[in-house]
Amino acid sequence: MASYEVTISSDGQITLPAELRREWSLKEGDALEFYRGSDGQICLRPRNLPASALFGLLAHLTPDPTYPTDDDAIGAELAARDDATRSKRRKPRAA
């Protein structure tokens, strides 16, 4: 994994290394997002993809023929999870 070191200017700005700008196809005015990962690391990702780039991303997924509607599939999943948690709960003691 490549590592880059940058310096923060007195205005709080950094210069992104040219290699990353080329790799991510960044140009002036593009947005970047900093976020904290679940492991506590600070991550950076480009936000320069148009929404249209996401169309078709999940086209390979097909509906489950077992359920006529999404609502039916969601209901079945919730019922299964509820049953699973009930079986883990203590059963009442016999008197």
N, C-alpha and C. Protein backbone atom coordinates (compact mmCIF):
# COMPACT_ATOMS: atom_id res chain seq x y z
N MET A 1 0.85 -1.18 0.00
CA MET A 1 0.00 0.00 0.00
C MET A 1 0.89 1.23 0.00
N ALA A 2 0.59 2.15 -0.89
CA ALA A 2 1.37 3.38 -0.98
C ALA A 2 1.04 4.30 0.19
N SER A 3 2.01 5.09 0.57
CA SER A 3 1.84 6.04 1.65
C SER A 3 2.29 7.41 1.17
N TYR A 4 1.54 8.44 1.51
CA TYR A 4 1.86 9.79 1.09
C TYR A 4 1.89 10.69 2.31
N GLU A 5 2.83 11.59 2.33
CA GLU A 5 2.92 12.56 3.42
C GLU A 5 2.67 13.94 2.85
N VAL A 6 1.76 14.68 3.48
CA VAL A 6 1.46 16.04 3.05
C VAL A 6 1.59 16.96 4.25
N THR A 7 1.69 18.26 3.98
CA THR A 7 1.82 19.26 5.03
C THR A 7 0.61 20.18 4.97
N ILE A 8 0.09 20.53 6.12
CA ILE A 8 -1.05 21.44 6.20
C ILE A 8 -0.52 22.87 6.17
N SER A 9 -1.11 23.68 5.30
CA SER A 9 -0.70 25.09 5.19
C SER A 9 -1.29 25.89 6.36
N SER A 10 -0.88 27.15 6.46
CA SER A 10 -1.41 28.00 7.53
C SER A 10 -2.91 28.23 7.36
N ASP A 11 -3.44 28.04 6.15
CA ASP A 11 -4.87 28.17 5.90
C ASP A 11 -5.63 26.87 6.12
N GLY A 12 -4.92 25.80 6.56
CA GLY A 12 -5.55 24.51 6.79
C GLY A 12 -5.72 23.70 5.53
N GLN A 13 -4.99 24.02 4.47
CA GLN A 13 -5.11 23.31 3.20
C GLN A 13 -3.98 22.30 3.03
N ILE A 14 -4.27 21.26 2.25
CA ILE A 14 -3.24 20.30 1.89
C ILE A 14 -3.20 20.18 0.37
N THR A 15 -2.08 19.73 -0.16
CA THR A 15 -1.97 19.45 -1.58
C THR A 15 -1.98 17.94 -1.76
N LEU A 16 -2.93 17.47 -2.53
CA LEU A 16 -3.04 16.03 -2.80
C LEU A 16 -1.96 15.65 -3.80
N PRO A 17 -1.20 14.60 -3.54
CA PRO A 17 -0.15 14.20 -4.46
C PRO A 17 -0.68 13.96 -5.89
N ALA A 18 0.12 14.36 -6.87
CA ALA A 18 -0.28 14.27 -8.27
C ALA A 18 -0.63 12.84 -8.67
N GLU A 19 0.07 11.86 -8.12
CA GLU A 19 -0.20 10.46 -8.45
C GLU A 19 -1.64 10.09 -8.08
N LEU A 20 -2.09 10.53 -6.92
CA LEU A 20 -3.47 10.24 -6.50
C LEU A 20 -4.47 11.00 -7.37
N ARG A 21 -4.16 12.26 -7.68
CA ARG A 21 -5.08 13.04 -8.53
C ARG A 21 -5.25 12.36 -9.89
N ARG A 22 -4.17 11.83 -10.45
CA ARG A 22 -4.27 11.13 -11.73
C ARG A 22 -5.04 9.83 -11.58
N GLU A 23 -4.71 9.05 -10.55
CA GLU A 23 -5.34 7.75 -10.34
C GLU A 23 -6.86 7.89 -10.16
N TRP A 24 -7.28 8.93 -9.43
CA TRP A 24 -8.70 9.13 -9.15
C TRP A 24 -9.37 10.05 -10.16
N SER A 25 -8.64 10.48 -11.19
CA SER A 25 -9.17 11.39 -12.23
C SER A 25 -9.77 12.64 -11.60
N LEU A 26 -9.06 13.23 -10.65
CA LEU A 26 -9.54 14.42 -9.97
C LEU A 26 -9.13 15.67 -10.73
N LYS A 27 -10.00 16.64 -10.70
CA LYS A 27 -9.69 17.93 -11.30
C LYS A 27 -10.13 19.02 -10.33
N GLU A 28 -9.76 20.25 -10.61
CA GLU A 28 -10.10 21.36 -9.74
C GLU A 28 -11.61 21.42 -9.50
N GLY A 29 -12.02 21.56 -8.26
CA GLY A 29 -13.43 21.66 -7.91
C GLY A 29 -14.06 20.34 -7.51
N ASP A 30 -13.38 19.20 -7.76
CA ASP A 30 -13.93 17.91 -7.34
C ASP A 30 -13.94 17.82 -5.82
N ALA A 31 -14.89 17.05 -5.30
CA ALA A 31 -15.04 16.90 -3.85
C ALA A 31 -14.35 15.63 -3.36
N LEU A 32 -13.83 15.71 -2.16
CA LEU A 32 -13.25 14.56 -1.46
C LEU A 32 -13.97 14.43 -0.13
N GLU A 33 -14.02 13.22 0.38
CA GLU A 33 -14.66 12.98 1.67
C GLU A 33 -13.66 12.34 2.62
N PHE A 34 -13.51 12.91 3.79
CA PHE A 34 -12.73 12.31 4.87
C PHE A 34 -13.73 11.63 5.79
N TYR A 35 -13.43 10.42 6.22
CA TYR A 35 -14.30 9.75 7.19
C TYR A 35 -13.45 8.86 8.08
N ARG A 36 -13.98 8.56 9.26
CA ARG A 36 -13.29 7.70 10.20
C ARG A 36 -13.83 6.28 10.01
N GLY A 37 -12.93 5.36 9.71
CA GLY A 37 -13.32 3.96 9.53
C GLY A 37 -13.66 3.31 10.85
N SER A 38 -14.23 2.12 10.80
CA SER A 38 -14.65 1.43 12.02
C SER A 38 -13.45 1.08 12.91
N ASP A 39 -12.26 1.02 12.30
CA ASP A 39 -11.05 0.72 13.08
C ASP A 39 -10.38 1.99 13.61
N GLY A 40 -11.02 3.16 13.39
CA GLY A 40 -10.50 4.42 13.90
C GLY A 40 -9.59 5.16 12.92
N GLN A 41 -9.22 4.52 11.82
CA GLN A 41 -8.36 5.19 10.85
C GLN A 41 -9.14 6.25 10.08
N ILE A 42 -8.45 7.33 9.71
CA ILE A 42 -9.04 8.36 8.89
C ILE A 42 -8.85 7.95 7.43
N CYS A 43 -9.93 7.95 6.68
CA CYS A 43 -9.90 7.54 5.28
C CYS A 43 -10.32 8.71 4.39
N LEU A 44 -9.90 8.65 3.15
CA LEU A 44 -10.21 9.68 2.18
C LEU A 44 -10.71 9.01 0.92
N ARG A 45 -11.82 9.51 0.37
CA ARG A 45 -12.29 8.94 -0.89
C ARG A 45 -12.79 10.07 -1.79
N PRO A 46 -12.60 9.90 -3.08
CA PRO A 46 -13.08 10.91 -4.02
C PRO A 46 -14.59 10.85 -4.15
N ARG A 47 -15.21 11.98 -4.37
CA ARG A 47 -16.67 12.05 -4.55
C ARG A 47 -16.98 12.62 -5.93
N ASN A 48 -16.12 12.31 -6.91
CA ASN A 48 -16.28 12.90 -8.23
C ASN A 48 -17.05 12.04 -9.22
N LEU A 49 -17.60 10.92 -8.77
CA LEU A 49 -18.39 10.10 -9.69
C LEU A 49 -19.80 10.66 -9.79
N PRO A 50 -20.32 10.79 -11.00
CA PRO A 50 -21.72 11.22 -11.12
C PRO A 50 -22.64 10.08 -10.70
N ALA A 51 -23.85 10.43 -10.30
CA ALA A 51 -24.81 9.41 -9.86
C ALA A 51 -25.08 8.40 -10.97
N SER A 52 -24.99 8.83 -12.21
CA SER A 52 -25.25 7.92 -13.33
C SER A 52 -24.24 6.78 -13.39
N ALA A 53 -23.07 6.96 -12.78
CA ALA A 53 -22.06 5.91 -12.77
C ALA A 53 -22.50 4.73 -11.91
N LEU A 54 -23.49 4.93 -11.05
CA LEU A 54 -23.96 3.87 -10.18
C LEU A 54 -25.08 3.04 -10.80
N PHE A 55 -25.70 3.56 -11.87
CA PHE A 55 -26.80 2.82 -12.50
C PHE A 55 -26.30 1.48 -13.02
N GLY A 56 -27.07 0.45 -12.75
CA GLY A 56 -26.73 -0.88 -13.24
C GLY A 56 -25.76 -1.64 -12.35
N LEU A 57 -25.30 -1.01 -11.28
CA LEU A 57 -24.31 -1.64 -10.40
C LEU A 57 -24.85 -2.93 -9.78
N LEU A 58 -26.14 -2.99 -9.54
CA LEU A 58 -26.74 -4.17 -8.91
C LEU A 58 -27.60 -4.97 -9.88
N ALA A 59 -27.39 -4.77 -11.18
CA ALA A 59 -28.21 -5.42 -12.20
C ALA A 59 -28.08 -6.94 -12.16
N HIS A 60 -26.97 -7.44 -11.63
CA HIS A 60 -26.76 -8.89 -11.58
C HIS A 60 -27.64 -9.58 -10.53
N LEU A 61 -28.23 -8.81 -9.63
CA LEU A 61 -29.10 -9.38 -8.59
C LEU A 61 -30.49 -9.62 -9.16
N THR A 62 -31.07 -10.74 -8.78
CA THR A 62 -32.43 -11.06 -9.24
C THR A 62 -33.32 -11.31 -8.03
N PRO A 63 -34.61 -11.04 -8.16
CA PRO A 63 -35.52 -11.26 -7.03
C PRO A 63 -35.63 -12.75 -6.70
N ASP A 64 -35.90 -13.03 -5.44
CA ASP A 64 -36.10 -14.41 -5.00
C ASP A 64 -37.51 -14.84 -5.42
N PRO A 65 -37.62 -15.88 -6.26
CA PRO A 65 -38.95 -16.28 -6.75
C PRO A 65 -39.85 -16.87 -5.66
N THR A 66 -39.30 -17.13 -4.47
CA THR A 66 -40.10 -17.68 -3.37
C THR A 66 -41.14 -16.68 -2.90
N TYR A 67 -40.82 -15.38 -3.02
CA TYR A 67 -41.70 -14.34 -2.49
C TYR A 67 -42.25 -13.49 -3.64
N PRO A 68 -43.58 -13.28 -3.65
CA PRO A 68 -44.17 -12.48 -4.74
C PRO A 68 -43.80 -11.00 -4.66
N THR A 69 -43.56 -10.48 -3.45
CA THR A 69 -43.21 -9.06 -3.33
C THR A 69 -42.05 -8.90 -2.34
N ASP A 70 -41.43 -7.73 -2.39
CA ASP A 70 -40.36 -7.42 -1.43
C ASP A 70 -40.91 -7.41 -0.01
N ASP A 71 -42.13 -6.92 0.16
CA ASP A 71 -42.74 -6.88 1.50
C ASP A 71 -42.86 -8.28 2.09
N ASP A 72 -43.22 -9.24 1.25
CA ASP A 72 -43.34 -10.63 1.72
C ASP A 72 -41.97 -11.17 2.14
N ALA A 73 -40.94 -10.86 1.38
CA ALA A 73 -39.59 -11.33 1.70
C ALA A 73 -39.10 -10.69 3.01
N ILE A 74 -39.36 -9.40 3.17
CA ILE A 74 -38.95 -8.70 4.40
C ILE A 74 -39.70 -9.27 5.60
N GLY A 75 -41.01 -9.49 5.44
CA GLY A 75 -41.81 -10.07 6.52
C GLY A 75 -41.30 -11.43 6.94
N ALA A 76 -40.95 -12.27 5.97
CA ALA A 76 -40.44 -13.61 6.27
C ALA A 76 -39.10 -13.52 7.01
N GLU A 77 -38.24 -12.60 6.60
CA GLU A 77 -36.95 -12.44 7.27
C GLU A 77 -37.14 -11.97 8.71
N LEU A 78 -38.02 -11.01 8.91
CA LEU A 78 -38.28 -10.52 10.28
C LEU A 78 -38.87 -11.61 11.16
N ALA A 79 -39.77 -12.39 10.61
CA ALA A 79 -40.36 -13.49 11.38
C ALA A 79 -39.30 -14.53 11.75
N ALA A 80 -38.40 -14.84 10.81
CA ALA A 80 -37.33 -15.80 11.10
C ALA A 80 -36.40 -15.28 12.18
N ARG A 81 -36.07 -13.99 12.11
CA ARG A 81 -35.20 -13.41 13.15
C ARG A 81 -35.90 -13.41 14.50
N ASP A 82 -37.20 -13.11 14.51
CA ASP A 82 -37.96 -13.11 15.76
C ASP A 82 -37.99 -14.51 16.36
N ASP A 83 -38.24 -15.51 15.53
CA ASP A 83 -38.24 -16.90 16.01
C ASP A 83 -36.89 -17.29 16.57
N ALA A 84 -35.82 -16.86 15.92
CA ALA A 84 -34.47 -17.20 16.37
C ALA A 84 -34.18 -16.58 17.73
N THR A 85 -34.62 -15.34 17.94
CA THR A 85 -34.37 -14.71 19.25
C THR A 85 -35.25 -15.30 20.33
N ARG A 86 -36.46 -15.72 19.97
CA ARG A 86 -37.34 -16.34 20.97
C ARG A 86 -36.77 -17.66 21.47
N SER A 87 -36.17 -18.42 20.59
CA SER A 87 -35.63 -19.72 21.01
C SER A 87 -34.42 -19.55 21.92
N LYS A 88 -33.77 -18.38 21.87
CA LYS A 88 -32.61 -18.13 22.73
C LYS A 88 -33.03 -17.63 24.11
N ARG A 89 -34.26 -17.11 24.21
CA ARG A 89 -34.73 -16.60 25.50
C ARG A 89 -35.02 -17.75 26.44
N ARG A 90 -34.94 -17.45 27.73
CA ARG A 90 -35.26 -18.49 28.73
C ARG A 90 -36.73 -18.87 28.65
N LYS A 91 -36.94 -20.13 28.80
CA LYS A 91 -38.33 -20.60 28.84
C LYS A 91 -38.81 -20.51 30.28
N PRO A 92 -40.08 -20.20 30.49
CA PRO A 92 -40.59 -20.09 31.86
C PRO A 92 -40.47 -21.43 32.60
N ARG A 93 -40.16 -21.33 33.89
CA ARG A 93 -40.03 -22.54 34.71
C ARG A 93 -41.40 -23.12 35.01
N ALA A 94 -41.45 -24.40 35.04
CA ALA A 94 -42.72 -25.06 35.40
C ALA A 94 -42.95 -24.92 36.89
N ALA A 95 -44.20 -24.67 37.28
CA ALA A 95 -44.52 -24.46 38.71
C ALA A 95 -44.70 -25.77 39.43
